[in-house]
Amino acid sequence: DRTLVEAVVRIADELDLVTIAEHVEDQKTADALNEL
């Protein structure tokens, strides 16, 4: 799952798209998404 999210973020960055993550329910998840 982490690799899939990372891949989507990298592709979006290359295409100048902004990413939005759904179902963020805790700070640990938010921190991981911020890191990516």
PDB file of all heavy atoms in Angstrom:
ATOM      1  N   ASP A   1       0.829  -1.205   0.000  1.00  0.00           N
ATOM      2  CA  ASP A   1       0.000   0.000   0.000  1.00  0.00           C
ATOM      3  C   ASP A   1       0.865   1.258   0.000  1.00  0.00           C
ATOM      4  O   ASP A   1       0.596   2.216  -0.724  1.00  0.00           O
ATOM      5  CB  ASP A   1      -0.944   0.022   1.199  1.00  0.00           C
ATOM      6  CG  ASP A   1      -2.099  -0.950   1.048  1.00  0.00           C
ATOM      7  OD1 ASP A   1      -2.336  -1.441  -0.074  1.00  0.00           O
ATOM      8  OD2 ASP A   1      -2.770  -1.226   2.061  1.00  0.00           O
ATOM      9  N   ARG A   2       1.909   1.264   0.808  1.00  0.00           N
ATOM     10  CA  ARG A   2       2.809   2.423   0.847  1.00  0.00           C
ATOM     11  C   ARG A   2       3.464   2.651  -0.515  1.00  0.00           C
ATOM     12  O   ARG A   2       3.553   3.778  -0.991  1.00  0.00           O
ATOM     13  CB  ARG A   2       3.869   2.247   1.932  1.00  0.00           C
ATOM     14  CG  ARG A   2       4.744   3.481   2.082  1.00  0.00           C
ATOM     15  CD  ARG A   2       5.751   3.301   3.222  1.00  0.00           C
ATOM     16  NE  ARG A   2       6.582   4.475   3.343  1.00  0.00           N
ATOM     17  CZ  ARG A   2       6.313   5.519   4.126  1.00  0.00           C
ATOM     18  NH1 ARG A   2       5.226   5.526   4.862  1.00  0.00           N
ATOM     19  NH2 ARG A   2       7.140   6.546   4.175  1.00  0.00           N
ATOM     20  N   THR A   3       3.900   1.581  -1.152  1.00  0.00           N
ATOM     21  CA  THR A   3       4.532   1.701  -2.470  1.00  0.00           C
ATOM     22  C   THR A   3       3.541   2.197  -3.513  1.00  0.00           C
ATOM     23  O   THR A   3       3.891   3.022  -4.369  1.00  0.00           O
ATOM     24  CB  THR A   3       5.136   0.344  -2.885  1.00  0.00           C
ATOM     25  OG1 THR A   3       6.108  -0.032  -1.912  1.00  0.00           O
ATOM     26  CG2 THR A   3       5.792   0.434  -4.251  1.00  0.00           C
ATOM     27  N   LEU A   4       2.307   1.724  -3.445  1.00  0.00           N
ATOM     28  CA  LEU A   4       1.281   2.193  -4.381  1.00  0.00           C
ATOM     29  C   LEU A   4       1.006   3.678  -4.214  1.00  0.00           C
ATOM     30  O   LEU A   4       0.922   4.432  -5.193  1.00  0.00           O
ATOM     31  CB  LEU A   4      -0.003   1.395  -4.215  1.00  0.00           C
ATOM     32  CG  LEU A   4       0.016  -0.014  -4.795  1.00  0.00           C
ATOM     33  CD1 LEU A   4      -1.165  -0.823  -4.289  1.00  0.00           C
ATOM     34  CD2 LEU A   4       0.003   0.051  -6.306  1.00  0.00           C
ATOM     35  N   VAL A   5       0.889   4.126  -2.973  1.00  0.00           N
ATOM     36  CA  VAL A   5       0.664   5.551  -2.716  1.00  0.00           C
ATOM     37  C   VAL A   5       1.859   6.362  -3.205  1.00  0.00           C
ATOM     38  O   VAL A   5       1.699   7.388  -3.865  1.00  0.00           O
ATOM     39  CB  VAL A   5       0.386   5.813  -1.220  1.00  0.00           C
ATOM     40  CG1 VAL A   5       0.378   7.308  -0.922  1.00  0.00           C
ATOM     41  CG2 VAL A   5      -0.939   5.174  -0.807  1.00  0.00           C
ATOM     42  N   GLU A   6       3.044   5.897  -2.913  1.00  0.00           N
ATOM     43  CA  GLU A   6       4.258   6.589  -3.362  1.00  0.00           C
ATOM     44  C   GLU A   6       4.297   6.686  -4.883  1.00  0.00           C
ATOM     45  O   GLU A   6       4.642   7.731  -5.446  1.00  0.00           O
ATOM     46  CB  GLU A   6       5.494   5.860  -2.845  1.00  0.00           C
ATOM     47  CG  GLU A   6       6.790   6.547  -3.204  1.00  0.00           C
ATOM     48  CD  GLU A   6       8.001   5.839  -2.612  1.00  0.00           C
ATOM     49  OE1 GLU A   6       7.889   4.681  -2.175  1.00  0.00           O
ATOM     50  OE2 GLU A   6       9.067   6.476  -2.585  1.00  0.00           O
ATOM     51  N   ALA A   7       3.928   5.618  -5.572  1.00  0.00           N
ATOM     52  CA  ALA A   7       3.918   5.620  -7.034  1.00  0.00           C
ATOM     53  C   ALA A   7       2.909   6.621  -7.582  1.00  0.00           C
ATOM     54  O   ALA A   7       3.202   7.360  -8.533  1.00  0.00           O
ATOM     55  CB  ALA A   7       3.620   4.218  -7.559  1.00  0.00           C
ATOM     56  N   VAL A   8       1.729   6.667  -6.990  1.00  0.00           N
ATOM     57  CA  VAL A   8       0.705   7.618  -7.439  1.00  0.00           C
ATOM     58  C   VAL A   8       1.198   9.050  -7.241  1.00  0.00           C
ATOM     59  O   VAL A   8       1.046   9.902  -8.128  1.00  0.00           O
ATOM     60  CB  VAL A   8      -0.632   7.385  -6.702  1.00  0.00           C
ATOM     61  CG1 VAL A   8      -1.604   8.512  -6.970  1.00  0.00           C
ATOM     62  CG2 VAL A   8      -1.232   6.048  -7.113  1.00  0.00           C
ATOM     63  N   VAL A   9       1.817   9.321  -6.102  1.00  0.00           N
ATOM     64  CA  VAL A   9       2.337  10.668  -5.830  1.00  0.00           C
ATOM     65  C   VAL A   9       3.422  11.033  -6.844  1.00  0.00           C
ATOM     66  O   VAL A   9       3.433  12.150  -7.378  1.00  0.00           O
ATOM     67  CB  VAL A   9       2.870  10.774  -4.387  1.00  0.00           C
ATOM     68  CG1 VAL A   9       3.613  12.085  -4.164  1.00  0.00           C
ATOM     69  CG2 VAL A   9       1.735  10.633  -3.393  1.00  0.00           C
ATOM     70  N   ARG A  10       4.308  10.123  -7.134  1.00  0.00           N
ATOM     71  CA  ARG A  10       5.388  10.399  -8.097  1.00  0.00           C
ATOM     72  C   ARG A  10       4.843  10.654  -9.495  1.00  0.00           C
ATOM     73  O   ARG A  10       5.294  11.563 -10.195  1.00  0.00           O
ATOM     74  CB  ARG A  10       6.389   9.245  -8.099  1.00  0.00           C
ATOM     75  CG  ARG A  10       7.198   9.200  -6.792  1.00  0.00           C
ATOM     76  CD  ARG A  10       8.223   8.117  -6.781  1.00  0.00           C
ATOM     77  NE  ARG A  10       9.229   8.397  -7.807  1.00  0.00           N
ATOM     78  CZ  ARG A  10      10.116   7.502  -8.213  1.00  0.00           C
ATOM     79  NH1 ARG A  10      10.112   6.286  -7.717  1.00  0.00           N
ATOM     80  NH2 ARG A  10      11.004   7.814  -9.136  1.00  0.00           N
ATOM     81  N   ILE A  11       3.875   9.867  -9.910  1.00  0.00           N
ATOM     82  CA  ILE A  11       3.255  10.074 -11.224  1.00  0.00           C
ATOM     83  C   ILE A  11       2.544  11.418 -11.253  1.00  0.00           C
ATOM     84  O   ILE A  11       2.676  12.184 -12.212  1.00  0.00           O
ATOM     85  CB  ILE A  11       2.287   8.920 -11.558  1.00  0.00           C
ATOM     86  CG1 ILE A  11       3.068   7.630 -11.789  1.00  0.00           C
ATOM     87  CG2 ILE A  11       1.425   9.268 -12.772  1.00  0.00           C
ATOM     88  CD1 ILE A  11       2.211   6.384 -11.818  1.00  0.00           C
ATOM     89  N   ALA A  12       1.781  11.717 -10.206  1.00  0.00           N
ATOM     90  CA  ALA A  12       1.071  12.996 -10.135  1.00  0.00           C
ATOM     91  C   ALA A  12       2.049  14.162 -10.194  1.00  0.00           C
ATOM     92  O   ALA A  12       1.803  15.165 -10.894  1.00  0.00           O
ATOM     93  CB  ALA A  12       0.233  13.064  -8.860  1.00  0.00           C
ATOM     94  N   ASP A  13       3.151  14.055  -9.489  1.00  0.00           N
ATOM     95  CA  ASP A  13       4.165  15.115  -9.521  1.00  0.00           C
ATOM     96  C   ASP A  13       4.695  15.339 -10.934  1.00  0.00           C
ATOM     97  O   ASP A  13       4.848  16.480 -11.378  1.00  0.00           O
ATOM     98  CB  ASP A  13       5.325  14.788  -8.583  1.00  0.00           C
ATOM     99  CG  ASP A  13       4.984  14.970  -7.115  1.00  0.00           C
ATOM    100  OD1 ASP A  13       3.937  15.585  -6.806  1.00  0.00           O
ATOM    101  OD2 ASP A  13       5.771  14.489  -6.273  1.00  0.00           O
ATOM    102  N   GLU A  14       4.958  14.267 -11.644  1.00  0.00           N
ATOM    103  CA  GLU A  14       5.463  14.378 -13.018  1.00  0.00           C
ATOM    104  C   GLU A  14       4.448  15.050 -13.945  1.00  0.00           C
ATOM    105  O   GLU A  14       4.815  15.708 -14.909  1.00  0.00           O
ATOM    106  CB  GLU A  14       5.839  13.001 -13.571  1.00  0.00           C
ATOM    107  CG  GLU A  14       7.083  12.425 -12.973  1.00  0.00           C
ATOM    108  CD  GLU A  14       8.334  13.249 -13.273  1.00  0.00           C
ATOM    109  OE1 GLU A  14       8.467  13.758 -14.395  1.00  0.00           O
ATOM    110  OE2 GLU A  14       9.168  13.375 -12.357  1.00  0.00           O
ATOM    111  N   LEU A  15       3.164  14.866 -13.642  1.00  0.00           N
ATOM    112  CA  LEU A  15       2.094  15.434 -14.462  1.00  0.00           C
ATOM    113  C   LEU A  15       1.589  16.776 -13.923  1.00  0.00           C
ATOM    114  O   LEU A  15       0.607  17.316 -14.427  1.00  0.00           O
ATOM    115  CB  LEU A  15       0.930  14.436 -14.552  1.00  0.00           C
ATOM    116  CG  LEU A  15       1.249  13.117 -15.240  1.00  0.00           C
ATOM    117  CD1 LEU A  15       0.100  12.134 -15.064  1.00  0.00           C
ATOM    118  CD2 LEU A  15       1.547  13.333 -16.715  1.00  0.00           C
ATOM    119  N   ASP A  16       2.269  17.308 -12.906  1.00  0.00           N
ATOM    120  CA  ASP A  16       1.867  18.565 -12.256  1.00  0.00           C
ATOM    121  C   ASP A  16       0.436  18.508 -11.719  1.00  0.00           C
ATOM    122  O   ASP A  16      -0.329  19.462 -11.846  1.00  0.00           O
ATOM    123  CB  ASP A  16       2.032  19.756 -13.199  1.00  0.00           C
ATOM    124  CG  ASP A  16       3.491  20.056 -13.488  1.00  0.00           C
ATOM    125  OD1 ASP A  16       4.315  19.928 -12.554  1.00  0.00           O
ATOM    126  OD2 ASP A  16       3.814  20.411 -14.627  1.00  0.00           O
ATOM    127  N   LEU A  17       0.080  17.380 -11.136  1.00  0.00           N
ATOM    128  CA  LEU A  17      -1.228  17.210 -10.509  1.00  0.00           C
ATOM    129  C   LEU A  17      -1.072  17.262  -8.993  1.00  0.00           C
ATOM    130  O   LEU A  17      -0.048  16.865  -8.443  1.00  0.00           O
ATOM    131  CB  LEU A  17      -1.846  15.863 -10.891  1.00  0.00           C
ATOM    132  CG  LEU A  17      -2.048  15.604 -12.381  1.00  0.00           C
ATOM    133  CD1 LEU A  17      -2.578  14.191 -12.592  1.00  0.00           C
ATOM    134  CD2 LEU A  17      -2.975  16.623 -12.989  1.00  0.00           C
ATOM    135  N   VAL A  18      -2.076  17.750  -8.321  1.00  0.00           N
ATOM    136  CA  VAL A  18      -2.103  17.793  -6.862  1.00  0.00           C
ATOM    137  C   VAL A  18      -2.769  16.521  -6.356  1.00  0.00           C
ATOM    138  O   VAL A  18      -3.798  16.098  -6.891  1.00  0.00           O
ATOM    139  CB  VAL A  18      -2.885  19.039  -6.378  1.00  0.00           C
ATOM    140  CG1 VAL A  18      -2.979  19.064  -4.865  1.00  0.00           C
ATOM    141  CG2 VAL A  18      -2.247  20.312  -6.911  1.00  0.00           C
ATOM    142  N   THR A  19      -2.194  15.910  -5.326  1.00  0.00           N
ATOM    143  CA  THR A  19      -2.752  14.672  -4.783  1.00  0.00           C
ATOM    144  C   THR A  19      -3.602  14.937  -3.541  1.00  0.00           C
ATOM    145  O   THR A  19      -3.313  15.823  -2.742  1.00  0.00           O
ATOM    146  CB  THR A  19      -1.633  13.682  -4.423  1.00  0.00           C
ATOM    147  OG1 THR A  19      -0.636  14.352  -3.655  1.00  0.00           O
ATOM    148  CG2 THR A  19      -1.010  13.087  -5.669  1.00  0.00           C
ATOM    149  N   ILE A  20      -4.664  14.127  -3.417  1.00  0.00           N
ATOM    150  CA  ILE A  20      -5.567  14.166  -2.273  1.00  0.00           C
ATOM    151  C   ILE A  20      -5.730  12.728  -1.779  1.00  0.00           C
ATOM    152  O   ILE A  20      -6.104  11.848  -2.558  1.00  0.00           O
ATOM    153  CB  ILE A  20      -6.949  14.721  -2.660  1.00  0.00           C
ATOM    154  CG1 ILE A  20      -6.822  16.100  -3.300  1.00  0.00           C
ATOM    155  CG2 ILE A  20      -7.871  14.741  -1.444  1.00  0.00           C
ATOM    156  CD1 ILE A  20      -8.102  16.576  -3.971  1.00  0.00           C
ATOM    157  N   ALA A  21      -5.449  12.491  -0.515  1.00  0.00           N
ATOM    158  CA  ALA A  21      -5.601  11.152   0.064  1.00  0.00           C
ATOM    159  C   ALA A  21      -6.913  11.073   0.843  1.00  0.00           C
ATOM    160  O   ALA A  21      -7.204  11.939   1.662  1.00  0.00           O
ATOM    161  CB  ALA A  21      -4.428  10.828   0.980  1.00  0.00           C
ATOM    162  N   GLU A  22      -7.674  10.027   0.589  1.00  0.00           N
ATOM    163  CA  GLU A  22      -8.950   9.791   1.277  1.00  0.00           C
ATOM    164  C   GLU A  22      -8.744   8.959   2.539  1.00  0.00           C
ATOM    165  O   GLU A  22      -7.742   8.264   2.669  1.00  0.00           O
ATOM    166  CB  GLU A  22      -9.896   8.995   0.378  1.00  0.00           C
ATOM    167  CG  GLU A  22     -10.288   9.654  -0.899  1.00  0.00           C
ATOM    168  CD  GLU A  22     -11.208   8.760  -1.711  1.00  0.00           C
ATOM    169  OE1 GLU A  22     -11.019   7.522  -1.740  1.00  0.00           O
ATOM    170  OE2 GLU A  22     -12.124   9.320  -2.317  1.00  0.00           O
ATOM    171  N   HIS A  23      -9.749   8.995   3.428  1.00  0.00           N
ATOM    172  CA  HIS A  23      -9.838   8.119   4.609  1.00  0.00           C
ATOM    173  C   HIS A  23      -8.653   8.248   5.571  1.00  0.00           C
ATOM    174  O   HIS A  23      -8.165   7.246   6.095  1.00  0.00           O
ATOM    175  CB  HIS A  23     -10.003   6.655   4.195  1.00  0.00           C
ATOM    176  CG  HIS A  23     -11.290   6.381   3.502  1.00  0.00           C
ATOM    177  ND1 HIS A  23     -12.477   6.227   4.182  1.00  0.00           N
ATOM    178  CD2 HIS A  23     -11.589   6.256   2.190  1.00  0.00           C
ATOM    179  CE1 HIS A  23     -13.442   6.018   3.302  1.00  0.00           C
ATOM    180  NE2 HIS A  23     -12.927   6.037   2.097  1.00  0.00           N
ATOM    181  N   VAL A  24      -8.190   9.459   5.783  1.00  0.00           N
ATOM    182  CA  VAL A  24      -7.117   9.676   6.753  1.00  0.00           C
ATOM    183  C   VAL A  24      -7.763   9.814   8.125  1.00  0.00           C
ATOM    184  O   VAL A  24      -8.462  10.784   8.394  1.00  0.00           O
ATOM    185  CB  VAL A  24      -6.292  10.934   6.397  1.00  0.00           C
ATOM    186  CG1 VAL A  24      -5.182  11.137   7.417  1.00  0.00           C
ATOM    187  CG2 VAL A  24      -5.725  10.804   4.988  1.00  0.00           C
ATOM    188  N   GLU A  25      -7.536   8.829   8.974  1.00  0.00           N
ATOM    189  CA  GLU A  25      -8.232   8.765  10.251  1.00  0.00           C
ATOM    190  C   GLU A  25      -7.343   8.985  11.463  1.00  0.00           C
ATOM    191  O   GLU A  25      -7.848   9.094  12.577  1.00  0.00           O
ATOM    192  CB  GLU A  25      -8.965   7.433  10.354  1.00  0.00           C
ATOM    193  CG  GLU A  25     -10.012   7.290   9.258  1.00  0.00           C
ATOM    194  CD  GLU A  25     -10.729   5.960   9.282  1.00  0.00           C
ATOM    195  OE1 GLU A  25     -10.482   5.161  10.210  1.00  0.00           O
ATOM    196  OE2 GLU A  25     -11.534   5.725   8.375  1.00  0.00           O
ATOM    197  N   ASP A  26      -6.024   9.052  11.277  1.00  0.00           N
ATOM    198  CA  ASP A  26      -5.151   9.267  12.435  1.00  0.00           C
ATOM    199  C   ASP A  26      -3.895  10.031  12.016  1.00  0.00           C
ATOM    200  O   ASP A  26      -3.573  10.133  10.830  1.00  0.00           O
ATOM    201  CB  ASP A  26      -4.784   7.940  13.099  1.00  0.00           C
ATOM    202  CG  ASP A  26      -4.127   6.956  12.144  1.00  0.00           C
ATOM    203  OD1 ASP A  26      -3.099   7.314  11.530  1.00  0.00           O
ATOM    204  OD2 ASP A  26      -4.640   5.833  12.002  1.00  0.00           O
ATOM    205  N   GLN A  27      -3.205  10.561  13.017  1.00  0.00           N
ATOM    206  CA  GLN A  27      -2.032  11.402  12.757  1.00  0.00           C
ATOM    207  C   GLN A  27      -0.886  10.604  12.146  1.00  0.00           C
ATOM    208  O   GLN A  27      -0.138  11.122  11.313  1.00  0.00           O
ATOM    209  CB  GLN A  27      -1.577  12.089  14.047  1.00  0.00           C
ATOM    210  CG  GLN A  27      -0.537  13.158  13.823  1.00  0.00           C
ATOM    211  CD  GLN A  27      -1.032  14.275  12.922  1.00  0.00           C
ATOM    212  OE1 GLN A  27      -2.097  14.827  13.152  1.00  0.00           O
ATOM    213  NE2 GLN A  27      -0.271  14.615  11.895  1.00  0.00           N
ATOM    214  N   LYS A  28      -0.739   9.354  12.548  1.00  0.00           N
ATOM    215  CA  LYS A  28       0.334   8.508  11.998  1.00  0.00           C
ATOM    216  C   LYS A  28       0.190   8.374  10.482  1.00  0.00           C
ATOM    217  O   LYS A  28       1.173   8.455   9.740  1.00  0.00           O
ATOM    218  CB  LYS A  28       0.311   7.138  12.670  1.00  0.00           C
ATOM    219  CG  LYS A  28       1.440   6.230  12.260  1.00  0.00           C
ATOM    220  CD  LYS A  28       1.392   4.915  13.033  1.00  0.00           C
ATOM    221  CE  LYS A  28       2.488   3.982  12.568  1.00  0.00           C
ATOM    222  NZ  LYS A  28       2.423   2.681  13.245  1.00  0.00           N
ATOM    223  N   THR A  29      -1.031   8.198  10.015  1.00  0.00           N
ATOM    224  CA  THR A  29      -1.284   8.098   8.582  1.00  0.00           C
ATOM    225  C   THR A  29      -1.013   9.437   7.905  1.00  0.00           C
ATOM    226  O   THR A  29      -0.376   9.496   6.852  1.00  0.00           O
ATOM    227  CB  THR A  29      -2.732   7.642   8.312  1.00  0.00           C
ATOM    228  OG1 THR A  29      -2.929   6.359   8.923  1.00  0.00           O
ATOM    229  CG2 THR A  29      -3.025   7.548   6.831  1.00  0.00           C
ATOM    230  N   ALA A  30      -1.462  10.519   8.512  1.00  0.00           N
ATOM    231  CA  ALA A  30      -1.214  11.856   7.954  1.00  0.00           C
ATOM    232  C   ALA A  30       0.279  12.131   7.854  1.00  0.00           C
ATOM    233  O   ALA A  30       0.748  12.684   6.844  1.00  0.00           O
ATOM    234  CB  ALA A  30      -1.898  12.919   8.812  1.00  0.00           C
ATOM    235  N   ASP A  31       1.032  11.743   8.859  1.00  0.00           N
ATOM    236  CA  ASP A  31       2.483  11.955   8.840  1.00  0.00           C
ATOM    237  C   ASP A  31       3.145  11.167   7.704  1.00  0.00           C
ATOM    238  O   ASP A  31       4.033  11.684   7.016  1.00  0.00           O
ATOM    239  CB  ASP A  31       3.096  11.559  10.179  1.00  0.00           C
ATOM    240  CG  ASP A  31       2.704  12.487  11.311  1.00  0.00           C
ATOM    241  OD1 ASP A  31       2.234  13.619  11.048  1.00  0.00           O
ATOM    242  OD2 ASP A  31       2.852  12.070  12.488  1.00  0.00           O
ATOM    243  N   ALA A  32       2.711   9.928   7.505  1.00  0.00           N
ATOM    244  CA  ALA A  32       3.269   9.107   6.427  1.00  0.00           C
ATOM    245  C   ALA A  32       2.952   9.719   5.061  1.00  0.00           C
ATOM    246  O   ALA A  32       3.806   9.761   4.170  1.00  0.00           O
ATOM    247  CB  ALA A  32       2.734   7.684   6.511  1.00  0.00           C
ATOM    248  N   LEU A  33       1.734  10.215   4.898  1.00  0.00           N
ATOM    249  CA  LEU A  33       1.336  10.835   3.633  1.00  0.00           C
ATOM    250  C   LEU A  33       2.110  12.121   3.399  1.00  0.00           C
ATOM    251  O   LEU A  33       2.542  12.405   2.264  1.00  0.00           O
ATOM    252  CB  LEU A  33      -0.165  11.101   3.630  1.00  0.00           C
ATOM    253  CG  LEU A  33      -1.038   9.849   3.639  1.00  0.00           C
ATOM    254  CD1 LEU A  33      -2.475  10.204   3.994  1.00  0.00           C
ATOM    255  CD2 LEU A  33      -0.957   9.124   2.308  1.00  0.00           C
ATOM    256  N   ASN A  34       2.326  12.882   4.444  1.00  0.00           N
ATOM    257  CA  ASN A  34       3.121  14.104   4.327  1.00  0.00           C
ATOM    258  C   ASN A  34       4.550  13.780   3.901  1.00  0.00           C
ATOM    259  O   ASN A  34       5.126  14.452   3.040  1.00  0.00           O
ATOM    260  CB  ASN A  34       3.109  14.857   5.661  1.00  0.00           C
ATOM    261  CG  ASN A  34       3.821  16.174   5.570  1.00  0.00           C
ATOM    262  OD1 ASN A  34       3.585  16.965   4.661  1.00  0.00           O
ATOM    263  ND2 ASN A  34       4.696  16.428   6.521  1.00  0.00           N
ATOM    264  N   GLU A  35       5.107  12.735   4.491  1.00  0.00           N
ATOM    265  CA  GLU A  35       6.461  12.295   4.152  1.00  0.00           C
ATOM    266  C   GLU A  35       6.577  11.919   2.670  1.00  0.00           C
ATOM    267  O   GLU A  35       7.602  12.162   2.035  1.00  0.00           O
ATOM    268  CB  GLU A  35       6.827  11.095   5.027  1.00  0.00           C
ATOM    269  CG  GLU A  35       8.209  10.542   4.814  1.00  0.00           C
ATOM    270  CD  GLU A  35       8.465   9.339   5.705  1.00  0.00           C
ATOM    271  OE1 GLU A  35       8.255   9.456   6.927  1.00  0.00           O
ATOM    272  OE2 GLU A  35       8.843   8.280   5.159  1.00  0.00           O
ATOM    273  N   LEU A  36       5.507  11.340   2.130  1.00  0.00           N
ATOM    274  CA  LEU A  36       5.506  10.936   0.721  1.00  0.00           C
ATOM    275  C   LEU A  36       5.178  12.091  -0.233  1.00  0.00           C
ATOM    276  O   LEU A  36       5.279  11.934  -1.439  1.00  0.00           O
ATOM    277  CB  LEU A  36       4.521   9.791   0.498  1.00  0.00           C
ATOM    278  CG  LEU A  36       4.890   8.470   1.184  1.00  0.00           C
ATOM    279  CD1 LEU A  36       3.792   7.443   0.962  1.00  0.00           C
ATOM    280  CD2 LEU A  36       6.217   7.949   0.662  1.00  0.00           C
TER     281      LEU A  36
END
